[in-house]
PDB file of N, CA and C in Angstrom:
ATOM      1  N   UNK A   1      45.125  38.550   3.122  1.00  0.00           N
ATOM      2  CA  UNK A   1      45.037  39.428   4.246  1.00  0.00           C
ATOM      3  C   UNK A   1      46.161  39.093   5.215  1.00  0.00           C
ATOM      4  N   UNK A   2      46.821  40.104   5.739  1.00  0.00           N
ATOM      5  CA  UNK A   2      47.897  39.916   6.697  1.00  0.00           C
ATOM      6  C   UNK A   2      47.509  40.516   8.028  1.00  0.00           C
ATOM      7  N   UNK A   3      47.936  39.857   9.087  1.00  0.00           N
ATOM      8  CA  UNK A   3      47.657  40.323  10.438  1.00  0.00           C
ATOM      9  C   UNK A   3      48.983  40.516  11.150  1.00  0.00           C
ATOM     10  N   UNK A   4      49.145  41.641  11.791  1.00  0.00           N
ATOM     11  CA  UNK A   4      50.374  41.928  12.523  1.00  0.00           C
ATOM     12  C   UNK A   4      50.317  41.264  13.897  1.00  0.00           C
ATOM     13  N   UNK A   5      51.313  40.437  14.222  1.00  0.00           N
ATOM     14  CA  UNK A   5      51.324  39.786  15.535  1.00  0.00           C
ATOM     15  C   UNK A   5      51.461  40.798  16.666  1.00  0.00           C
ATOM     16  N   UNK A   6      50.882  40.472  17.796  1.00  0.00           N
ATOM     17  CA  UNK A   6      50.988  41.296  18.997  1.00  0.00           C
ATOM     18  C   UNK A   6      52.300  40.929  19.681  1.00  0.00           C
ATOM     19  N   UNK A   7      53.159  41.912  19.955  1.00  0.00           N
ATOM     20  CA  UNK A   7      54.441  41.617  20.597  1.00  0.00           C
ATOM     21  C   UNK A   7      54.244  40.860  21.916  1.00  0.00           C
ATOM     22  N   UNK A   8      55.048  39.829  22.105  1.00  0.00           N
ATOM     23  CA  UNK A   8      55.013  39.055  23.340  1.00  0.00           C
ATOM     24  C   UNK A   8      54.029  37.893  23.335  1.00  0.00           C
ATOM     25  N   UNK A   9      53.202  37.777  22.287  1.00  0.00           N
ATOM     26  CA  UNK A   9      52.237  36.674  22.218  1.00  0.00           C
ATOM     27  C   UNK A   9      52.856  35.483  21.497  1.00  0.00           C
ATOM     28  N   UNK A  10      52.485  34.271  21.921  1.00  0.00           N
ATOM     29  CA  UNK A  10      52.986  33.034  21.327  1.00  0.00           C
ATOM     30  C   UNK A  10      52.025  32.576  20.231  1.00  0.00           C
ATOM     31  N   UNK A  11      52.504  32.473  19.012  1.00  0.00           N
ATOM     32  CA  UNK A  11      51.682  32.058  17.884  1.00  0.00           C
ATOM     33  C   UNK A  11      52.104  30.696  17.340  1.00  0.00           C
ATOM     34  N   UNK A  12      52.862  29.945  18.112  1.00  0.00           N
ATOM     35  CA  UNK A  12      53.379  28.665  17.636  1.00  0.00           C
ATOM     36  C   UNK A  12      52.275  27.638  17.390  1.00  0.00           C
ATOM     37  N   UNK A  13      51.128  27.766  18.029  1.00  0.00           N
ATOM     38  CA  UNK A  13      50.027  26.812  17.855  1.00  0.00           C
ATOM     39  C   UNK A  13      49.014  27.248  16.799  1.00  0.00           C
ATOM     40  N   UNK A  14      49.184  28.423  16.228  1.00  0.00           N
ATOM     41  CA  UNK A  14      48.246  28.924  15.227  1.00  0.00           C
ATOM     42  C   UNK A  14      48.553  28.277  13.878  1.00  0.00           C
ATOM     43  N   UNK A  15      47.544  27.657  13.227  1.00  0.00           N
ATOM     44  CA  UNK A  15      47.773  27.044  11.920  1.00  0.00           C
ATOM     45  C   UNK A  15      48.254  28.076  10.908  1.00  0.00           C
ATOM     46  N   UNK A  16      49.181  27.687  10.053  1.00  0.00           N
ATOM     47  CA  UNK A  16      49.737  28.630   9.091  1.00  0.00           C
ATOM     48  C   UNK A  16      49.568  28.176   7.647  1.00  0.00           C
ATOM     49  N   UNK A  17      48.846  27.120   7.407  1.00  0.00           N
ATOM     50  CA  UNK A  17      48.699  26.685   6.027  1.00  0.00           C
ATOM     51  C   UNK A  17      47.530  25.738   5.837  1.00  0.00           C
ATOM     52  N   UNK A  18      47.197  25.463   4.580  1.00  0.00           N
ATOM     53  CA  UNK A  18      46.178  24.488   4.256  1.00  0.00           C
ATOM     54  C   UNK A  18      44.753  24.939   4.499  1.00  0.00           C
ATOM     55  N   UNK A  19      43.874  23.967   4.614  1.00  0.00           N
ATOM     56  CA  UNK A  19      42.441  24.224   4.731  1.00  0.00           C
ATOM     57  C   UNK A  19      42.062  24.962   6.003  1.00  0.00           C
ATOM     58  N   UNK A  20      42.818  24.786   7.058  1.00  0.00           N
ATOM     59  CA  UNK A  20      42.436  25.379   8.335  1.00  0.00           C
ATOM     60  C   UNK A  20      42.517  26.894   8.297  1.00  0.00           C
ATOM     61  N   UNK A  21      43.547  27.456   7.705  1.00  0.00           N
ATOM     62  CA  UNK A  21      43.730  28.891   7.769  1.00  0.00           C
ATOM     63  C   UNK A  21      42.957  29.685   6.734  1.00  0.00           C
ATOM     64  N   UNK A  22      43.002  29.289   5.484  1.00  0.00           N
ATOM     65  CA  UNK A  22      42.438  30.168   4.469  1.00  0.00           C
ATOM     66  C   UNK A  22      41.248  29.642   3.715  1.00  0.00           C
ATOM     67  N   UNK A  23      40.990  28.392   3.802  1.00  0.00           N
ATOM     68  CA  UNK A  23      39.923  27.803   2.988  1.00  0.00           C
ATOM     69  C   UNK A  23      38.645  27.682   3.797  1.00  0.00           C
ATOM     70  N   UNK A  24      37.925  28.793   3.864  1.00  0.00           N
ATOM     71  CA  UNK A  24      36.740  28.876   4.705  1.00  0.00           C
ATOM     72  C   UNK A  24      35.435  28.813   3.919  1.00  0.00           C
ATOM     73  N   UNK A  25      35.507  28.482   2.650  1.00  0.00           N
ATOM     74  CA  UNK A  25      34.325  28.452   1.801  1.00  0.00           C
ATOM     75  C   UNK A  25      34.284  27.129   1.070  1.00  0.00           C
ATOM     76  N   UNK A  26      33.090  26.653   0.741  1.00  0.00           N
ATOM     77  CA  UNK A  26      32.903  25.358   0.089  1.00  0.00           C
ATOM     78  C   UNK A  26      32.257  25.571  -1.270  1.00  0.00           C
ATOM     79  N   UNK A  27      32.821  24.939  -2.293  1.00  0.00           N
ATOM     80  CA  UNK A  27      32.210  24.926  -3.616  1.00  0.00           C
ATOM     81  C   UNK A  27      31.731  23.495  -3.851  1.00  0.00           C
ATOM     82  N   UNK A  28      30.416  23.333  -3.875  1.00  0.00           N
ATOM     83  CA  UNK A  28      29.794  22.019  -4.031  1.00  0.00           C
ATOM     84  C   UNK A  28      29.523  21.750  -5.506  1.00  0.00           C
ATOM     85  N   UNK A  29      29.836  20.556  -5.962  1.00  0.00           N
ATOM     86  CA  UNK A  29      29.548  20.167  -7.338  1.00  0.00           C
ATOM     87  C   UNK A  29      28.074  19.797  -7.439  1.00  0.00           C
ATOM     88  N   UNK A  30      27.389  20.345  -8.433  1.00  0.00           N
ATOM     89  CA  UNK A  30      25.958  20.089  -8.637  1.00  0.00           C
ATOM     90  C   UNK A  30      25.726  19.234  -9.874  1.00  0.00           C
ATOM     91  N   UNK A  31      24.627  18.520  -9.875  1.00  0.00           N
ATOM     92  CA  UNK A  31      24.191  17.812 -11.076  1.00  0.00           C
ATOM     93  C   UNK A  31      23.466  18.824 -11.959  1.00  0.00           C
ATOM     94  N   UNK A  32      23.901  18.942 -13.195  1.00  0.00           N
ATOM     95  CA  UNK A  32      23.277  19.888 -14.120  1.00  0.00           C
ATOM     96  C   UNK A  32      22.159  19.209 -14.884  1.00  0.00           C
ATOM     97  N   UNK A  33      20.949  19.721 -14.742  1.00  0.00           N
ATOM     98  CA  UNK A  33      19.807  19.165 -15.464  1.00  0.00           C
ATOM     99  C   UNK A  33      19.649  19.803 -16.835  1.00  0.00           C
ATOM    100  N   UNK A  34      20.145  21.025 -16.992  1.00  0.00           N
ATOM    101  CA  UNK A  34      20.160  21.694 -18.287  1.00  0.00           C
ATOM    102  C   UNK A  34      21.544  22.296 -18.491  1.00  0.00           C
ATOM    103  N   UNK A  35      21.866  22.590 -19.730  1.00  0.00           N
ATOM    104  CA  UNK A  35      23.196  23.101 -20.060  1.00  0.00           C
ATOM    105  C   UNK A  35      23.500  24.447 -19.402  1.00  0.00           C
ATOM    106  N   UNK A  36      22.483  25.290 -19.216  1.00  0.00           N
ATOM    107  CA  UNK A  36      22.714  26.614 -18.639  1.00  0.00           C
ATOM    108  C   UNK A  36      22.495  26.665 -17.126  1.00  0.00           C
ATOM    109  N   UNK A  37      22.251  25.533 -16.500  1.00  0.00           N
ATOM    110  CA  UNK A  37      22.081  25.495 -15.035  1.00  0.00           C
ATOM    111  C   UNK A  37      23.454  25.587 -14.359  1.00  0.00           C
ATOM    112  N   UNK A  38      23.505  26.125 -13.146  1.00  0.00           N
ATOM    113  CA  UNK A  38      24.785  26.217 -12.429  1.00  0.00           C
ATOM    114  C   UNK A  38      25.403  24.826 -12.210  1.00  0.00           C
ATOM    115  N   UNK A  39      26.714  24.753 -12.317  1.00  0.00           N
ATOM    116  CA  UNK A  39      27.406  23.474 -12.117  1.00  0.00           C
ATOM    117  C   UNK A  39      28.002  23.363 -10.718  1.00  0.00           C
ATOM    118  N   UNK A  40      28.039  24.472  -9.990  1.00  0.00           N
ATOM    119  CA  UNK A  40      28.610  24.501  -8.635  1.00  0.00           C
ATOM    120  C   UNK A  40      27.754  25.408  -7.748  1.00  0.00           C
ATOM    121  N   UNK A  41      27.833  25.188  -6.420  1.00  0.00           N
ATOM    122  CA  UNK A  41      27.143  26.059  -5.466  1.00  0.00           C
ATOM    123  C   UNK A  41      28.133  26.457  -4.377  1.00  0.00           C
ATOM    124  N   UNK A  42      28.138  27.735  -4.041  1.00  0.00           N
ATOM    125  CA  UNK A  42      29.040  28.274  -3.026  1.00  0.00           C
ATOM    126  C   UNK A  42      28.351  28.290  -1.665  1.00  0.00           C
ATOM    127  N   UNK A  43      29.070  27.801  -0.642  1.00  0.00           N
ATOM    128  CA  UNK A  43      28.571  27.737   0.735  1.00  0.00           C
ATOM    129  C   UNK A  43      29.616  28.280   1.698  1.00  0.00           C
ATOM    130  N   UNK A  44      29.172  28.609   2.910  1.00  0.00           N
ATOM    131  CA  UNK A  44      30.109  28.821   4.018  1.00  0.00           C
ATOM    132  C   UNK A  44      30.640  27.440   4.395  1.00  0.00           C
ATOM    133  N   UNK A  45      31.798  27.392   4.994  1.00  0.00           N
ATOM    134  CA  UNK A  45      32.427  26.101   5.290  1.00  0.00           C
ATOM    135  C   UNK A  45      31.585  25.234   6.226  1.00  0.00           C
ATOM    136  N   UNK A  46      30.851  25.832   7.143  1.00  0.00           N
ATOM    137  CA  UNK A  46      30.079  25.061   8.114  1.00  0.00           C
ATOM    138  C   UNK A  46      28.629  24.811   7.699  1.00  0.00           C
ATOM    139  N   UNK A  47      28.278  25.080   6.461  1.00  0.00           N
ATOM    140  CA  UNK A  47      26.900  24.920   6.002  1.00  0.00           C
ATOM    141  C   UNK A  47      26.522  23.443   5.891  1.00  0.00           C
ATOM    142  N   UNK A  48      25.406  23.073   6.473  1.00  0.00           N
ATOM    143  CA  UNK A  48      24.948  21.692   6.437  1.00  0.00           C
ATOM    144  C   UNK A  48      24.365  21.309   5.084  1.00  0.00           C
ATOM    145  N   UNK A  49      24.134  22.256   4.200  1.00  0.00           N
ATOM    146  CA  UNK A  49      23.584  21.973   2.881  1.00  0.00           C
ATOM    147  C   UNK A  49      24.625  21.444   1.891  1.00  0.00           C
ATOM    148  N   UNK A  50      25.894  21.641   2.168  1.00  0.00           N
ATOM    149  CA  UNK A  50      26.967  21.168   1.263  1.00  0.00           C
ATOM    150  C   UNK A  50      27.167  19.676   1.488  1.00  0.00           C
ATOM    151  N   UNK A  51      26.413  18.875   0.757  1.00  0.00           N
ATOM    152  CA  UNK A  51      26.413  17.431   0.988  1.00  0.00           C
ATOM    153  C   UNK A  51      27.161  16.643  -0.069  1.00  0.00           C
ATOM    154  N   UNK A  52      27.214  17.127  -1.263  1.00  0.00           N
ATOM    155  CA  UNK A  52      27.822  16.378  -2.359  1.00  0.00           C
ATOM    156  C   UNK A  52      29.324  16.586  -2.417  1.00  0.00           C
ATOM    157  N   UNK A  53      29.902  16.141  -3.498  1.00  0.00           N
ATOM    158  CA  UNK A  53      31.338  16.345  -3.735  1.00  0.00           C
ATOM    159  C   UNK A  53      31.624  17.838  -3.687  1.00  0.00           C
ATOM    160  N   UNK A  54      32.677  18.232  -2.951  1.00  0.00           N
ATOM    161  CA  UNK A  54      32.972  19.654  -2.828  1.00  0.00           C
ATOM    162  C   UNK A  54      34.470  19.903  -2.649  1.00  0.00           C
ATOM    163  N   UNK A  55      34.825  21.183  -2.794  1.00  0.00           N
ATOM    164  CA  UNK A  55      36.193  21.651  -2.675  1.00  0.00           C
ATOM    165  C   UNK A  55      36.211  22.841  -1.732  1.00  0.00           C
ATOM    166  N   UNK A  56      37.246  22.945  -0.899  1.00  0.00           N
ATOM    167  CA  UNK A  56      37.412  24.111  -0.033  1.00  0.00           C
ATOM    168  C   UNK A  56      38.193  25.172  -0.791  1.00  0.00           C
ATOM    169  N   UNK A  57      37.764  26.432  -0.692  1.00  0.00           N
ATOM    170  CA  UNK A  57      38.432  27.538  -1.386  1.00  0.00           C
ATOM    171  C   UNK A  57      38.693  28.691  -0.417  1.00  0.00           C
ATOM    172  N   UNK A  58      39.615  29.544  -0.807  1.00  0.00           N
ATOM    173  CA  UNK A  58      39.963  30.713   0.006  1.00  0.00           C
ATOM    174  C   UNK A  58      38.904  31.802  -0.153  1.00  0.00           C
ATOM    175  N   UNK A  59      38.982  32.802   0.696  1.00  0.00           N
ATOM    176  CA  UNK A  59      38.056  33.927   0.622  1.00  0.00           C
ATOM    177  C   UNK A  59      38.199  34.659  -0.709  1.00  0.00           C
ATOM    178  N   UNK A  60      39.404  34.851  -1.169  1.00  0.00           N
ATOM    179  CA  UNK A  60      39.622  35.527  -2.460  1.00  0.00           C
ATOM    180  C   UNK A  60      38.970  34.733  -3.589  1.00  0.00           C
ATOM    181  N   UNK A  61      39.176  33.417  -3.597  1.00  0.00           N
ATOM    182  CA  UNK A  61      38.578  32.580  -4.640  1.00  0.00           C
ATOM    183  C   UNK A  61      37.052  32.620  -4.562  1.00  0.00           C
ATOM    184  N   UNK A  62      36.512  32.558  -3.350  1.00  0.00           N
ATOM    185  CA  UNK A  62      35.062  32.592  -3.170  1.00  0.00           C
ATOM    186  C   UNK A  62      34.483  33.909  -3.674  1.00  0.00           C
ATOM    187  N   UNK A  63      35.134  35.016  -3.374  1.00  0.00           N
ATOM    188  CA  UNK A  63      34.664  36.325  -3.834  1.00  0.00           C
ATOM    189  C   UNK A  63      34.668  36.405  -5.358  1.00  0.00           C
ATOM    190  N   UNK A  64      35.665  35.832  -5.989  1.00  0.00           N
ATOM    191  CA  UNK A  64      35.731  35.816  -7.450  1.00  0.00           C
ATOM    192  C   UNK A  64      34.630  34.939  -8.047  1.00  0.00           C
ATOM    193  N   UNK A  65      34.278  33.860  -7.355  1.00  0.00           N
ATOM    194  CA  UNK A  65      33.243  32.948  -7.842  1.00  0.00           C
ATOM    195  C   UNK A  65      31.858  33.585  -7.852  1.00  0.00           C
ATOM    196  N   UNK A  66      31.632  34.577  -7.008  1.00  0.00           N
ATOM    197  CA  UNK A  66      30.324  35.236  -6.947  1.00  0.00           C
ATOM    198  C   UNK A  66      29.890  35.808  -8.293  1.00  0.00           C
ATOM    199  N   UNK A  67      30.830  36.222  -9.101  1.00  0.00           N
ATOM    200  CA  UNK A  67      30.516  36.868 -10.378  1.00  0.00           C
ATOM    201  C   UNK A  67      30.287  35.874 -11.520  1.00  0.00           C
ATOM    202  N   UNK A  68      30.565  34.617 -11.282  1.00  0.00           N
ATOM    203  CA  UNK A  68      30.450  33.622 -12.357  1.00  0.00           C
ATOM    204  C   UNK A  68      29.021  33.107 -12.498  1.00  0.00           C
ATOM    205  N   UNK A  69      28.514  33.027 -13.721  1.00  0.00           N
ATOM    206  CA  UNK A  69      27.145  32.562 -13.934  1.00  0.00           C
ATOM    207  C   UNK A  69      26.954  31.070 -13.671  1.00  0.00           C
ATOM    208  N   UNK A  70      28.034  30.295 -13.673  1.00  0.00           N
ATOM    209  CA  UNK A  70      27.913  28.853 -13.438  1.00  0.00           C
ATOM    210  C   UNK A  70      27.976  28.494 -11.950  1.00  0.00           C
ATOM    211  N   UNK A  71      27.987  29.517 -11.073  1.00  0.00           N
ATOM    212  CA  UNK A  71      28.029  29.307  -9.630  1.00  0.00           C
ATOM    213  C   UNK A  71      26.713  29.767  -9.010  1.00  0.00           C
ATOM    214  N   UNK A  72      26.047  28.862  -8.310  1.00  0.00           N
ATOM    215  CA  UNK A  72      24.841  29.208  -7.553  1.00  0.00           C
ATOM    216  C   UNK A  72      25.276  29.594  -6.137  1.00  0.00           C
ATOM    217  N   UNK A  73      24.462  30.382  -5.464  1.00  0.00           N
ATOM    218  CA  UNK A  73      24.743  30.812  -4.096  1.00  0.00           C
ATOM    219  C   UNK A  73      23.769  30.092  -3.169  1.00  0.00           C
ATOM    220  N   UNK A  74      24.274  29.504  -2.118  1.00  0.00           N
ATOM    221  CA  UNK A  74      23.423  28.789  -1.164  1.00  0.00           C
ATOM    222  C   UNK A  74      22.443  29.765  -0.506  1.00  0.00           C
ATOM    223  N   UNK A  75      21.173  29.421  -0.530  1.00  0.00           N
ATOM    224  CA  UNK A  75      20.151  30.250   0.084  1.00  0.00           C
ATOM    225  C   UNK A  75      20.014  30.031   1.583  1.00  0.00           C
ATOM    226  N   UNK A  76      20.682  29.018   2.111  1.00  0.00           N
ATOM    227  CA  UNK A  76      20.616  28.727   3.541  1.00  0.00           C
ATOM    228  C   UNK A  76      21.692  29.505   4.297  1.00  0.00           C
ATOM    229  N   UNK A  77      22.951  29.385   3.858  1.00  0.00           N
ATOM    230  CA  UNK A  77      24.050  30.044   4.585  1.00  0.00           C
ATOM    231  C   UNK A  77      24.410  31.419   4.031  1.00  0.00           C
ATOM    232  N   UNK A  78      23.932  31.761   2.845  1.00  0.00           N
ATOM    233  CA  UNK A  78      24.130  33.070   2.213  1.00  0.00           C
ATOM    234  C   UNK A  78      25.577  33.576   2.265  1.00  0.00           C
ATOM    235  N   UNK A  79      26.520  32.865   1.646  1.00  0.00           N
ATOM    236  CA  UNK A  79      27.915  33.299   1.684  1.00  0.00           C
ATOM    237  C   UNK A  79      28.140  34.643   1.006  1.00  0.00           C
ATOM    238  N   UNK A  80      27.271  35.005   0.075  1.00  0.00           N
ATOM    239  CA  UNK A  80      27.421  36.280  -0.629  1.00  0.00           C
ATOM    240  C   UNK A  80      27.298  37.473   0.317  1.00  0.00           C
ATOM    241  N   UNK A  81      26.490  37.356   1.355  1.00  0.00           N
ATOM    242  CA  UNK A  81      26.336  38.466   2.302  1.00  0.00           C
ATOM    243  C   UNK A  81      27.642  38.747   3.036  1.00  0.00           C
ATOM    244  N   UNK A  82      28.340  37.712   3.440  1.00  0.00           N
ATOM    245  CA  UNK A  82      29.607  37.888   4.143  1.00  0.00           C
ATOM    246  C   UNK A  82      30.709  38.334   3.189  1.00  0.00           C
ATOM    247  N   UNK A  83      30.709  37.811   1.976  1.00  0.00           N
ATOM    248  CA  UNK A  83      31.775  38.126   1.022  1.00  0.00           C
ATOM    249  C   UNK A  83      31.635  39.519   0.425  1.00  0.00           C
ATOM    250  N   UNK A  84      30.433  40.009   0.295  1.00  0.00           N
ATOM    251  CA  UNK A  84      30.212  41.347  -0.267  1.00  0.00           C
ATOM    252  C   UNK A  84      30.134  42.417   0.807  1.00  0.00           C
ATOM    253  N   UNK A  85      29.944  41.983   2.058  1.00  0.00           N
ATOM    254  CA  UNK A  85      29.748  42.915   3.163  1.00  0.00           C
ATOM    255  C   UNK A  85      30.973  43.601   3.526  1.00  0.00           C
TER     256      UNK A  85
END
């Protein structure tokens, strides 16, 4: 997604890379108790339920993960509502 700057505004302090700008979603690694159980769970970045080992992902990556059967969706922060909305 691209945003057009407002003429005359200073954007020198706005982050332009890394986790701060685009990685607003968390993929938590889960322990699999059965072979067909989800191996990862998707959360919003600020979700308190993401406690285990995790990775930050972009909005595009998070939206793509919604369709994968090996990804569970957090029932607390409901990232699917924001990503599909």
